[in-house]
C-alpha atoms as a PDB file:
ATOM      1  CA  MET A   1     -54.802   2.726  21.677  1.00  0.00           C
ATOM      2  CA  THR A   2     -52.503   4.626  20.113  1.00  0.00           C
ATOM      3  CA  ASP A   3     -51.820   8.897  20.317  1.00  0.00           C
ATOM      4  CA  SER A   4     -53.302   9.420  16.687  1.00  0.00           C
ATOM      5  CA  GLU A   5     -57.453   7.248  18.002  1.00  0.00           C
ATOM      6  CA  VAL A   6     -59.411   9.849  19.049  1.00  0.00           C
ATOM      7  CA  MET A   7     -60.783   8.646  22.324  1.00  0.00           C
ATOM      8  CA  LEU A   8     -63.966   9.575  24.288  1.00  0.00           C
ATOM      9  CA  LEU A   9     -63.060   8.637  28.181  1.00  0.00           C
ATOM     10  CA  ASP A  10     -66.311   7.790  30.578  1.00  0.00           C
ATOM     11  CA  SER A  11     -66.739   9.917  34.224  1.00  0.00           C
ATOM     12  CA  SER A  12     -64.903   6.037  35.557  1.00  0.00           C
ATOM     13  CA  ALA A  13     -62.052   6.604  33.171  1.00  0.00           C
ATOM     14  CA  TRP A  14     -61.276  10.528  34.761  1.00  0.00           C
ATOM     15  CA  LEU A  15     -62.145   9.589  37.917  1.00  0.00           C
ATOM     16  CA  LEU A  16     -59.532   6.832  37.905  1.00  0.00           C
ATOM     17  CA  TYR A  17     -57.609   9.911  36.875  1.00  0.00           C
ATOM     18  CA  PHE A  18     -57.871  12.220  39.419  1.00  0.00           C
ATOM     19  CA  PHE A  19     -57.739   9.576  42.761  1.00  0.00           C
ATOM     20  CA  ARG A  20     -54.389   8.915  41.100  1.00  0.00           C
ATOM     21  CA  GLN A  21     -55.264   4.887  40.502  1.00  0.00           C
ATOM     22  CA  SER A  22     -54.813   4.032  37.136  1.00  0.00           C
ATOM     23  CA  ASP A  23     -51.359   4.786  35.881  1.00  0.00           C
ATOM     24  CA  ARG A  24     -52.419   3.672  32.592  1.00  0.00           C
ATOM     25  CA  MET A  25     -55.001   6.196  32.372  1.00  0.00           C
ATOM     26  CA  ARG A  26     -51.994   8.963  33.404  1.00  0.00           C
ATOM     27  CA  ALA A  27     -49.801   8.244  30.681  1.00  0.00           C
ATOM     28  CA  LEU A  28     -53.220   8.575  28.663  1.00  0.00           C
ATOM     29  CA  ILE A  29     -54.208  11.679  29.622  1.00  0.00           C
ATOM     30  CA  GLU A  30     -50.918  13.292  29.978  1.00  0.00           C
ATOM     31  CA  GLY A  31     -49.927  11.606  26.791  1.00  0.00           C
ATOM     32  CA  ASP A  32     -50.928  13.411  23.329  1.00  0.00           C
ATOM     33  CA  ALA A  33     -53.805  11.491  22.616  1.00  0.00           C
ATOM     34  CA  VAL A  34     -57.186  13.380  21.163  1.00  0.00           C
ATOM     35  CA  LEU A  35     -59.740  13.218  24.386  1.00  0.00           C
ATOM     36  CA  LEU A  36     -63.085  13.792  24.097  1.00  0.00           C
ATOM     37  CA  SER A  37     -65.440  13.500  26.902  1.00  0.00           C
ATOM     38  CA  SER A  38     -69.593  13.267  26.749  1.00  0.00           C
ATOM     39  CA  SER A  39     -70.790  16.638  28.670  1.00  0.00           C
ATOM     40  CA  VAL A  40     -72.859  14.294  30.970  1.00  0.00           C
ATOM     41  CA  SER A  41     -69.421  13.118  32.283  1.00  0.00           C
ATOM     42  CA  LEU A  42     -69.140  16.624  33.660  1.00  0.00           C
ATOM     43  CA  PHE A  43     -72.553  15.178  36.351  1.00  0.00           C
ATOM     44  CA  GLU A  44     -71.453  12.371  36.622  1.00  0.00           C
ATOM     45  CA  ILE A  45     -67.826  13.556  37.846  1.00  0.00           C
ATOM     46  CA  LYS A  46     -68.471  16.580  40.142  1.00  0.00           C
ATOM     47  CA  LYS A  47     -71.203  14.278  41.702  1.00  0.00           C
ATOM     48  CA  ARG A  48     -68.590  11.760  42.553  1.00  0.00           C
ATOM     49  CA  LEU A  49     -66.602  14.335  43.469  1.00  0.00           C
ATOM     50  CA  LEU A  50     -69.150  16.446  46.062  1.00  0.00           C
ATOM     51  CA  LYS A  51     -69.902  12.951  47.972  1.00  0.00           C
ATOM     52  CA  GLY A  52     -66.167  12.566  48.813  1.00  0.00           C
ATOM     53  CA  SER A  53     -64.393  15.134  50.795  1.00  0.00           C
ATOM     54  CA  TYR A  54     -62.886  18.030  47.769  1.00  0.00           C
ATOM     55  CA  SER A  55     -63.398  21.171  48.318  1.00  0.00           C
ATOM     56  CA  ARG A  56     -65.287  23.756  45.916  1.00  0.00           C
ATOM     57  CA  ASN A  57     -62.034  25.068  44.220  1.00  0.00           C
ATOM     58  CA  GLU A  58     -60.739  21.519  43.910  1.00  0.00           C
ATOM     59  CA  ILE A  59     -63.724  20.595  42.193  1.00  0.00           C
ATOM     60  CA  THR A  60     -64.271  23.623  40.230  1.00  0.00           C
ATOM     61  CA  GLU A  61     -60.394  23.378  39.042  1.00  0.00           C
ATOM     62  CA  ALA A  62     -61.042  19.286  38.126  1.00  0.00           C
ATOM     63  CA  LEU A  63     -63.776  20.203  35.481  1.00  0.00           C
ATOM     64  CA  GLY A  64     -61.375  22.788  34.354  1.00  0.00           C
ATOM     65  CA  PHE A  65     -58.722  20.266  33.806  1.00  0.00           C
ATOM     66  CA  VAL A  66     -61.653  17.748  31.712  1.00  0.00           C
ATOM     67  CA  LYS A  67     -62.364  20.873  29.489  1.00  0.00           C
ATOM     68  CA  THR A  68     -59.146  22.224  28.893  1.00  0.00           C
ATOM     69  CA  ARG A  69     -57.495  18.557  28.335  1.00  0.00           C
ATOM     70  CA  SER A  70     -60.822  17.336  26.073  1.00  0.00           C
ATOM     71  CA  MET A  71     -62.795  18.728  23.317  1.00  0.00           C
ATOM     72  CA  VAL A  72     -66.210  18.472  25.805  1.00  0.00           C
ATOM     73  CA  ILE A  73     -68.993  17.240  23.078  1.00  0.00           C
ATOM     74  CA  ASP A  74     -72.479  18.905  23.892  1.00  0.00           C
ATOM     75  CA  VAL A  75     -75.717  15.998  23.461  1.00  0.00           C
ATOM     76  CA  ASP A  76     -77.412  16.688  20.932  1.00  0.00           C
ATOM     77  CA  ALA A  77     -81.052  15.370  19.562  1.00  0.00           C
ATOM     78  CA  LYS A  78     -79.519  12.817  17.517  1.00  0.00           C
ATOM     79  CA  THR A  79     -77.028  11.772  20.158  1.00  0.00           C
ATOM     80  CA  CYS A  80     -80.170  11.387  22.231  1.00  0.00           C
ATOM     81  CA  GLU A  81     -82.657   9.119  20.122  1.00  0.00           C
ATOM     82  CA  ALA A  82     -79.286   7.478  18.805  1.00  0.00           C
ATOM     83  CA  ALA A  83     -78.835   6.552  22.798  1.00  0.00           C
ATOM     84  CA  ALA A  84     -82.940   5.677  23.479  1.00  0.00           C
ATOM     85  CA  ASP A  85     -81.796   2.646  20.765  1.00  0.00           C
ATOM     86  CA  ILE A  86     -79.026   1.530  22.845  1.00  0.00           C
ATOM     87  CA  SER A  87     -80.512   1.669  25.818  1.00  0.00           C
ATOM     88  CA  GLU A  88     -83.066  -0.777  24.286  1.00  0.00           C
ATOM     89  CA  LYS A  89     -80.657  -2.968  22.641  1.00  0.00           C
ATOM     90  CA  HIS A  90     -77.568  -3.191  25.402  1.00  0.00           C
ATOM     91  CA  LYS A  91     -79.974  -2.217  28.541  1.00  0.00           C
ATOM     92  CA  LEU A  92     -77.402   0.390  29.505  1.00  0.00           C
ATOM     93  CA  ALA A  93     -78.511   3.346  32.211  1.00  0.00           C
ATOM     94  CA  ALA A  94     -79.542   6.429  29.949  1.00  0.00           C
ATOM     95  CA  VAL A  95     -76.332   8.397  31.247  1.00  0.00           C
ATOM     96  CA  ASP A  96     -73.805   5.273  29.643  1.00  0.00           C
ATOM     97  CA  SER A  97     -76.527   5.045  26.516  1.00  0.00           C
ATOM     98  CA  ILE A  98     -75.400   8.883  26.342  1.00  0.00           C
ATOM     99  CA  ILE A  99     -72.441   9.175  26.577  1.00  0.00           C
ATOM    100  CA  TYR A 100     -71.584   5.415  23.918  1.00  0.00           C
ATOM    101  CA  ALA A 101     -73.736   6.923  21.695  1.00  0.00           C
ATOM    102  CA  THR A 102     -71.329  10.001  21.488  1.00  0.00           C
ATOM    103  CA  SER A 103     -68.493   7.676  21.225  1.00  0.00           C
ATOM    104  CA  GLY A 104     -70.576   6.154  18.274  1.00  0.00           C
ATOM    105  CA  THR A 105     -71.414   9.304  16.400  1.00  0.00           C
ATOM    106  CA  CYS A 106     -67.403  10.777  17.548  1.00  0.00           C
ATOM    107  CA  ASN A 107     -65.745   7.705  15.548  1.00  0.00           C
ATOM    108  CA  ALA A 108     -64.127   7.451  18.996  1.00  0.00           C
ATOM    109  CA  LYS A 109     -62.773   4.443  21.034  1.00  0.00           C
ATOM    110  CA  LEU A 110     -64.293   4.784  24.811  1.00  0.00           C
ATOM    111  CA  VAL A 111     -62.466   4.434  27.029  1.00  0.00           C
ATOM    112  CA  THR A 112     -64.249   3.330  30.511  1.00  0.00           C
ATOM    113  CA  ALA A 113     -62.980   1.701  33.562  1.00  0.00           C
ATOM    114  CA  ASP A 114     -67.035   1.113  33.937  1.00  0.00           C
ATOM    115  CA  ARG A 115     -68.057  -2.623  33.258  1.00  0.00           C
ATOM    116  CA  ASP A 116     -72.086  -2.176  32.061  1.00  0.00           C
ATOM    117  CA  PHE A 117     -69.999  -1.312  28.492  1.00  0.00           C
ATOM    118  CA  LYS A 118     -68.125  -3.970  28.681  1.00  0.00           C
ATOM    119  CA  ASN A 119     -67.961  -6.620  25.326  1.00  0.00           C
ATOM    120  CA  LEU A 120     -69.659  -3.143  23.394  1.00  0.00           C
ATOM    121  CA  GLN A 121     -68.169  -2.909  20.012  1.00  0.00           C
ATOM    122  CA  GLY A 122     -65.722   0.230  20.495  1.00  0.00           C
ATOM    123  CA  VAL A 123     -64.716   0.451  23.697  1.00  0.00           C
ATOM    124  CA  VAL A 124     -62.080  -0.066  25.808  1.00  0.00           C
ATOM    125  CA  MET A 125     -61.899  -1.432  29.428  1.00  0.00           C
ATOM    126  CA  VAL A 126     -59.075  -0.050  31.806  1.00  0.00           C
END
């Protein structure tokens, strides 16, 4: 990955960063790369943090950081239709399919730690 590439971060990539589990994600997120996030990743991140021992304030700060550091891409009808095809073809769950479709419509590499994306085109596993 280079700083000039546009990358869409999956929720798993953000969670690696928030849980301080990946120096690679820290370098990427704190670097100069152009980062995108799917709006459904906000759901996944918040849900995971709610299950943990995080205060409402910490969760608000984490989501605020995602919104500040990346451009959040809303899910539209075109992306949902593409996601349905992707889900059927690659046997991905709905949310994963939407995130993968979003990376495609944005011409961005998908950065993820989620093994469900392994071996898909345009995916960078961390």
